[in-house]
Protein backbone atom coordinates (compact mmCIF):
# COMPACT_ATOMS: atom_id res chain seq x y z
CA MET A 1 -3.15 -22.11 17.19
CA PRO A 2 -2.83 -18.66 18.86
CA ALA A 3 -6.25 -17.15 19.46
CA ALA A 4 -5.14 -13.92 17.76
CA ASP A 5 -4.61 -15.82 14.49
CA VAL A 6 -8.15 -17.23 14.28
CA PRO A 7 -9.78 -14.14 12.65
CA ALA A 8 -6.89 -13.77 10.20
CA ILE A 9 -7.11 -17.43 9.19
CA ALA A 10 -10.85 -17.10 8.68
CA THR A 11 -10.29 -14.04 6.49
CA ILE A 12 -7.75 -15.83 4.29
CA ARG A 13 -10.06 -18.82 3.87
CA ARG A 14 -13.04 -16.60 3.13
CA PHE A 15 -11.11 -14.75 0.42
CA GLY A 16 -10.03 -18.05 -1.12
CA ARG A 17 -13.67 -19.14 -1.39
CA PHE A 18 -14.67 -15.76 -2.82
CA HIS A 19 -11.91 -15.81 -5.42
CA THR A 20 -12.59 -19.31 -6.72
CA ARG A 21 -16.26 -18.41 -7.15
CA PHE A 22 -15.42 -15.01 -8.65
CA VAL A 23 -13.24 -16.40 -11.46
CA GLY A 24 -15.61 -19.29 -12.15
CA ALA A 25 -13.16 -21.95 -11.01
CA LEU A 26 -15.79 -24.14 -9.36
CA GLY A 27 -17.97 -24.92 -12.37
CA GLY A 28 -15.33 -26.06 -14.82
CA ASP A 29 -16.16 -23.12 -17.09
CA LEU A 30 -13.47 -20.49 -16.52
CA HIS A 31 -14.68 -17.11 -17.83
CA GLY A 32 -17.30 -18.96 -19.86
CA SER A 33 -14.56 -20.63 -21.96
CA GLY A 34 -15.49 -24.24 -21.31
CA PHE A 35 -12.09 -24.83 -19.66
CA GLY A 36 -11.54 -25.73 -16.05
CA LEU A 37 -9.17 -23.64 -13.95
CA THR A 38 -6.21 -26.04 -14.32
CA GLU A 39 -6.70 -26.44 -18.07
CA GLY A 40 -6.91 -22.70 -18.53
CA ARG A 41 -3.78 -22.08 -16.49
CA VAL A 42 -1.76 -24.69 -18.38
CA LEU A 43 -2.89 -23.22 -21.71
CA TYR A 44 -1.96 -19.76 -20.48
CA GLU A 45 1.60 -20.79 -19.62
CA LEU A 46 2.04 -22.64 -22.91
CA ALA A 47 0.78 -19.59 -24.82
CA GLN A 48 3.30 -17.28 -23.16
CA ARG A 49 6.40 -19.05 -24.47
CA ASP A 50 7.59 -22.08 -26.36
CA GLY A 51 10.08 -24.53 -24.93
CA TRP A 52 8.44 -25.63 -21.69
CA ARG A 53 9.47 -29.08 -20.52
CA ALA A 54 6.75 -31.10 -18.84
CA GLY A 55 8.61 -31.48 -15.53
CA GLU A 56 9.45 -27.78 -15.45
CA LEU A 57 5.82 -26.85 -16.09
CA ALA A 58 4.59 -29.22 -13.38
CA ARG A 59 6.94 -27.61 -10.83
CA GLU A 60 5.96 -24.09 -11.90
CA LEU A 61 2.24 -24.77 -11.45
CA GLY A 62 2.52 -27.17 -8.51
CA LEU A 63 0.77 -29.95 -10.46
CA ASP A 64 1.09 -33.71 -10.16
CA PRO A 65 3.32 -34.74 -13.13
CA ALA A 66 1.05 -37.68 -14.02
CA TYR A 67 -2.03 -35.46 -14.11
CA LEU A 68 -0.23 -32.87 -16.23
CA SER A 69 0.96 -35.60 -18.60
CA ARG A 70 -2.64 -36.72 -19.21
CA LEU A 71 -3.70 -33.13 -19.81
CA LEU A 72 -0.88 -32.55 -22.31
CA LYS A 73 -1.75 -35.75 -24.18
CA ARG A 74 -5.33 -34.51 -24.53
CA PHE A 75 -4.13 -31.16 -25.87
CA ALA A 76 -1.91 -32.99 -28.36
CA ALA A 77 -4.82 -35.21 -29.47
CA LEU A 78 -6.86 -32.06 -30.15
CA GLY A 79 -4.06 -30.74 -32.33
CA TRP A 80 -3.21 -27.90 -29.90
CA LEU A 81 0.23 -29.09 -28.80
CA GLU A 82 3.43 -30.24 -30.44
CA ARG A 83 6.43 -31.91 -28.84
CA ALA A 84 9.99 -31.75 -30.14
CA LYS A 85 13.25 -33.15 -28.81
CA ALA A 86 15.17 -30.61 -26.78
CA GLY A 87 18.43 -29.42 -28.25
CA GLY A 88 21.40 -31.05 -26.54
CA ASP A 89 19.27 -33.63 -24.71
CA GLY A 90 17.74 -36.34 -26.83
CA ARG A 91 15.76 -37.74 -23.90
CA ALA A 92 13.85 -34.50 -23.16
CA TYR A 93 10.99 -32.95 -25.07
CA GLU A 94 9.98 -29.31 -25.36
CA LEU A 95 6.36 -28.21 -25.72
CA ARG A 96 4.88 -25.71 -28.17
CA LEU A 97 1.32 -24.64 -28.83
CA THR A 98 0.26 -25.02 -32.43
CA GLU A 99 -1.66 -22.35 -34.31
CA ALA A 100 -4.83 -24.25 -33.42
CA GLY A 101 -3.76 -24.21 -29.77
CA HIS A 102 -3.33 -20.44 -29.82
CA GLU A 103 -6.74 -20.11 -31.46
CA ALA A 104 -8.27 -22.26 -28.71
CA PHE A 105 -6.62 -20.12 -26.05
CA ALA A 106 -7.56 -16.75 -27.57
CA PRO A 107 -11.25 -16.67 -26.40
CA LEU A 108 -10.20 -17.54 -22.84
CA ASP A 109 -7.55 -14.81 -22.85
CA GLU A 110 -10.02 -12.25 -24.21
CA ALA A 111 -12.70 -13.23 -21.67
CA SER A 112 -10.20 -12.79 -18.84
CA ARG A 113 -9.24 -9.34 -20.15
CA ARG A 114 -12.91 -8.34 -20.42
CA GLN A 115 -13.58 -9.43 -16.85
CA ALA A 116 -10.63 -7.41 -15.53
CA GLY A 117 -11.72 -4.42 -17.62
CA ALA A 118 -15.27 -4.65 -16.27
CA ILE A 119 -13.95 -4.61 -12.71
CA LEU A 120 -11.87 -1.49 -13.36
CA ALA A 121 -14.72 0.24 -15.22
CA ARG A 122 -16.90 0.33 -12.12
CA LEU A 123 -14.17 1.79 -9.91
CA GLY A 124 -12.94 5.36 -9.57
CA ALA A 125 -9.31 6.26 -10.25
CA GLY A 126 -8.39 6.13 -6.55
CA GLU A 127 -10.15 2.80 -6.09
CA ARG A 128 -8.34 1.35 -9.09
CA ALA A 129 -4.97 2.37 -7.66
CA ALA A 130 -5.93 0.97 -4.26
CA LEU A 131 -7.04 -2.35 -5.78
CA VAL A 132 -3.89 -2.76 -7.87
CA GLY A 133 -1.67 -1.86 -4.92
CA ALA A 134 -3.51 -4.27 -2.62
CA LEU A 135 -3.26 -7.14 -5.11
CA GLU A 136 0.45 -6.54 -5.71
CA ARG A 137 1.07 -6.38 -1.97
CA ALA A 138 -0.95 -9.54 -1.34
CA GLN A 139 0.97 -11.41 -4.04
CA ALA A 140 4.30 -10.33 -2.57
CA LEU A 141 3.29 -11.36 0.96
CA LEU A 142 1.81 -14.71 -0.05
CA SER A 143 4.68 -15.67 -2.35
CA GLY A 144 7.41 -14.59 0.06
CA ALA A 145 9.06 -12.69 -2.77
CA ALA A 146 11.05 -9.59 -1.95
CA SER A 147 8.84 -6.52 -2.18
CA PRO A 148 9.88 -3.83 -4.66
CA ARG A 149 11.04 -0.57 -3.18
CA PRO A 150 7.87 1.40 -2.38
CA ALA A 151 7.17 4.62 -4.26
CA VAL A 152 7.28 7.45 -1.70
CA LEU A 153 6.04 10.98 -2.39
CA ILE A 154 5.61 14.04 -0.18
CA ARG A 155 3.28 16.67 -1.62
CA GLU A 156 0.92 19.48 -0.66
CA HIS A 157 -2.64 18.63 0.30
CA ARG A 158 -5.44 18.22 -2.22
CA PRO A 159 -9.25 18.10 -1.81
CA GLY A 160 -10.12 15.08 0.33
CA ASP A 161 -6.76 14.87 2.11
CA ILE A 162 -7.86 16.75 5.22
CA GLY A 163 -10.70 14.28 5.80
CA TRP A 164 -8.14 11.48 5.64
CA VAL A 165 -5.91 13.30 8.16
CA ILE A 166 -8.78 13.51 10.65
CA SER A 167 -9.81 9.88 10.18
CA ALA A 168 -6.24 8.55 10.35
CA HIS A 169 -5.47 10.43 13.56
CA GLY A 170 -8.68 9.28 15.25
CA ARG A 171 -8.16 5.66 14.26
CA LEU A 172 -4.42 5.40 14.92
CA TYR A 173 -4.44 7.06 18.34
CA ALA A 174 -7.42 4.95 19.43
CA GLU A 175 -5.70 1.74 18.31
CA GLU A 176 -2.22 2.50 19.66
CA TYR A 177 -2.88 4.62 22.75
CA GLY A 178 -6.52 4.06 23.62
CA TRP A 179 -7.44 7.73 23.22
CA ASP A 180 -11.14 8.45 22.96
CA MET A 181 -13.08 10.36 20.30
CA SER A 182 -12.41 13.73 21.90
CA PHE A 183 -8.97 13.56 20.28
CA GLU A 184 -10.51 13.08 16.83
CA ALA A 185 -12.77 16.06 17.60
CA LEU A 186 -9.70 18.18 18.42
CA VAL A 187 -7.98 17.14 15.18
CA ALA A 188 -11.16 18.00 13.25
CA GLU A 189 -11.21 21.47 14.81
CA ILE A 190 -7.53 22.08 13.97
CA ALA A 191 -8.02 20.82 10.41
CA ALA A 192 -11.19 22.87 9.85
CA LYS A 193 -9.47 26.03 11.07
CA PHE A 194 -6.56 25.31 8.74
CA LEU A 195 -8.90 25.08 5.75
CA ARG A 196 -11.00 28.12 6.69
CA GLU A 197 -8.06 30.42 7.40
CA PHE A 198 -5.48 28.91 5.06
CA ARG A 199 -2.62 31.28 4.18
CA PRO A 200 -0.89 29.75 1.13
CA GLY A 201 2.38 31.63 1.60
CA GLY A 202 2.65 31.08 5.33
CA GLU A 203 0.97 27.74 5.97
CA ARG A 204 1.18 24.31 4.44
CA CYS A 205 -0.06 20.76 4.83
CA PHE A 206 2.35 18.05 3.72
CA ILE A 207 0.94 14.65 2.76
CA ALA A 208 3.19 11.59 2.49
CA GLU A 209 2.09 8.99 -0.04
CA LEU A 210 3.21 5.38 -0.28
CA ASP A 211 2.47 3.75 -3.63
CA GLY A 212 -0.19 6.39 -4.28
CA THR A 213 -1.97 6.15 -0.92
CA PRO A 214 -1.77 8.74 1.90
CA VAL A 215 0.19 7.43 4.88
CA GLY A 216 1.47 10.55 6.67
CA SER A 217 0.95 14.22 7.37
CA ALA A 218 2.53 17.32 8.86
CA PHE A 219 1.08 20.84 9.08
CA VAL A 220 2.81 24.21 9.35
CA VAL A 221 0.45 26.89 10.70
CA ARG A 222 1.01 30.53 11.61
CA GLU A 223 1.32 31.23 15.32
CA SER A 224 2.52 34.82 14.85
CA ASP A 225 4.51 36.82 12.30
CA GLU A 226 7.74 35.25 13.57
CA VAL A 227 6.57 31.89 14.93
CA ALA A 228 5.30 28.84 13.02
CA LYS A 229 3.65 25.88 14.70
CA LEU A 230 4.16 22.25 13.68
CA ARG A 231 0.94 20.25 14.02
CA LEU A 232 -0.66 16.90 13.19
CA VAL A 233 2.50 14.94 12.41
CA LEU A 234 1.53 11.34 11.72
CA VAL A 235 2.85 8.26 9.95
CA GLU A 236 0.69 5.17 9.48
CA ALA A 237 2.04 1.97 11.03
CA ARG A 238 2.47 0.25 7.65
CA ALA A 239 4.72 3.09 6.42
CA ARG A 240 7.06 3.23 9.39
CA GLY A 241 10.71 2.43 9.00
CA LEU A 242 11.00 4.40 5.75
CA GLY A 243 12.07 7.66 7.36
CA LEU A 244 8.82 9.42 6.46
CA GLY A 245 8.38 11.06 9.86
CA LYS A 246 11.84 12.63 9.60
CA ARG A 247 11.20 13.73 6.02
CA LEU A 248 7.87 15.33 6.92
CA VAL A 249 9.41 17.29 9.80
CA ARG A 250 12.30 18.43 7.62
CA GLU A 251 9.92 19.55 4.88
CA ALA A 252 7.98 21.53 7.49
CA LEU A 253 11.14 23.16 8.86
CA ALA A 254 12.38 24.07 5.40
CA PHE A 255 9.04 25.62 4.48
CA ALA A 256 8.86 27.61 7.72
CA ARG A 257 12.31 29.05 7.20
CA ALA A 258 11.56 29.92 3.55
CA ALA A 259 8.32 31.60 4.67
CA GLY A 260 10.30 33.94 6.92
CA TYR A 261 9.51 32.52 10.35
CA ARG A 262 12.26 32.80 12.96
CA ARG A 263 11.09 30.01 15.26
CA MET A 264 9.00 26.85 15.15
CA VAL A 265 7.06 25.47 18.12
CA LEU A 266 5.06 22.32 18.72
CA TRP A 267 2.99 20.60 21.40
CA THR A 268 3.08 16.86 21.99
CA ASN A 269 2.83 14.29 24.76
CA ASP A 270 5.68 12.42 26.40
CA ILE A 271 4.33 8.96 25.47
CA LEU A 272 4.86 9.68 21.75
CA HIS A 273 8.44 8.41 21.89
CA ALA A 274 9.10 8.01 18.16
CA ALA A 275 7.91 11.54 17.39
CA ARG A 276 9.93 13.01 20.26
CA ALA A 277 13.06 11.26 18.98
CA ILE A 278 12.59 12.95 15.60
CA TYR A 279 12.08 16.37 17.18
CA ILE A 280 15.24 16.00 19.23
CA ALA A 281 17.24 14.84 16.21
CA GLU A 282 16.00 17.85 14.21
CA GLY A 283 17.12 20.38 16.83
CA PHE A 284 13.98 21.00 18.89
CA ARG A 285 14.39 21.53 22.63
CA LEU A 286 11.91 20.91 25.42
CA VAL A 287 10.86 24.19 27.04
CA ALA A 288 7.93 23.19 29.27
CA GLU A 289 5.76 20.25 30.29
CA GLU A 290 2.59 19.83 32.31
CA LYS A 291 0.38 16.96 33.45
CA HIS A 292 -3.15 16.94 32.07
CA HIS A 293 -6.13 14.63 31.62
CA SER A 294 -7.27 14.56 28.00
CA PHE A 295 -8.67 12.08 25.48
CA GLY A 296 -9.62 9.76 28.33
CA LYS A 297 -6.04 9.41 29.63
CA ASP A 298 -3.66 10.96 32.16
CA LEU A 299 -0.90 12.49 30.05
CA VAL A 300 2.12 14.74 30.22
CA GLY A 301 1.99 17.50 27.62
CA GLN A 302 5.21 19.00 26.32
CA ASN A 303 6.10 22.21 24.52
CA TRP A 304 9.09 22.13 22.19
CA GLU A 305 10.69 24.82 20.04
CA ARG A 306 13.46 25.33 17.50
CA GLU A 307 15.15 28.44 16.20
CA LEU A 308 15.17 28.70 12.41
CA HIS A 309 18.67 30.06 11.81
CA GLU A 310 19.62 31.00 8.28
CA ASP A 311 22.68 28.76 8.40
CA ALA A 312 20.76 25.70 9.60
CA ASP A 313 20.66 22.66 7.32
CA LEU A 314 16.94 22.04 6.82
CA SER A 315 17.12 20.14 3.54
CA PRO A 316 14.51 17.34 3.45
């Protein structure tokens, strides 16, 4: 086992233990219903549709067919389950919950709904969205199913976004480049100045969202009456490959041109290869570079600029 996998394996196992305890699977009393976890799950599937065949249900739930057969016989003895010969196949039987079976399932279903509702009730709107997104993502990863196309949005900043920008920059650059906290301090200074001196018609912060969660940023700030500066362009690692960096830069360029600026400038470092590739593709040219020691590293700073011609295609 690779050493790097040990913490991840421990996390997965720890969550499994937490979840079985959380839903009451260990005590044979799921949601206080008196049913064990397997009984409750079989009842749930039978309540969703008629026509299950025993073998099909065993495969769907990953159950031993003999164990499932015993469970179904008990449900039938309680008057909860009926079996009828399948149309077109006299050897096969289809399963259907009786009215009594649906009545037996109803308290379990309601208890499960109440538990989910209680969880959501103690969370804020943002936390609810984060929880739902995380659960959907976890299910997709664990099942191996193809993930749905993520919902991507680029919008203007709202209260709370600037704090995220500062935190994301500090964390990402420390993780990926080993930069120290002086970089986060610089980002905080830039962001604070943006908020204090914000000019709505001439400056803008763009936030990229993925499934409702911020994952990217780009700022346009005033350098002079004719020059705009592009700052704090970032895309989280989990959102890369979706073209968000390119979209953020194009949104910034389009805004700068609409605001009446004639030129856009930016400062970056030569090790930021992905960002530099976007700048080159969007028409920026390198005008100067200089070695410097910042953020705990020896770096090469670069100044880039782009003319904002009226006939340029800056559509996002």
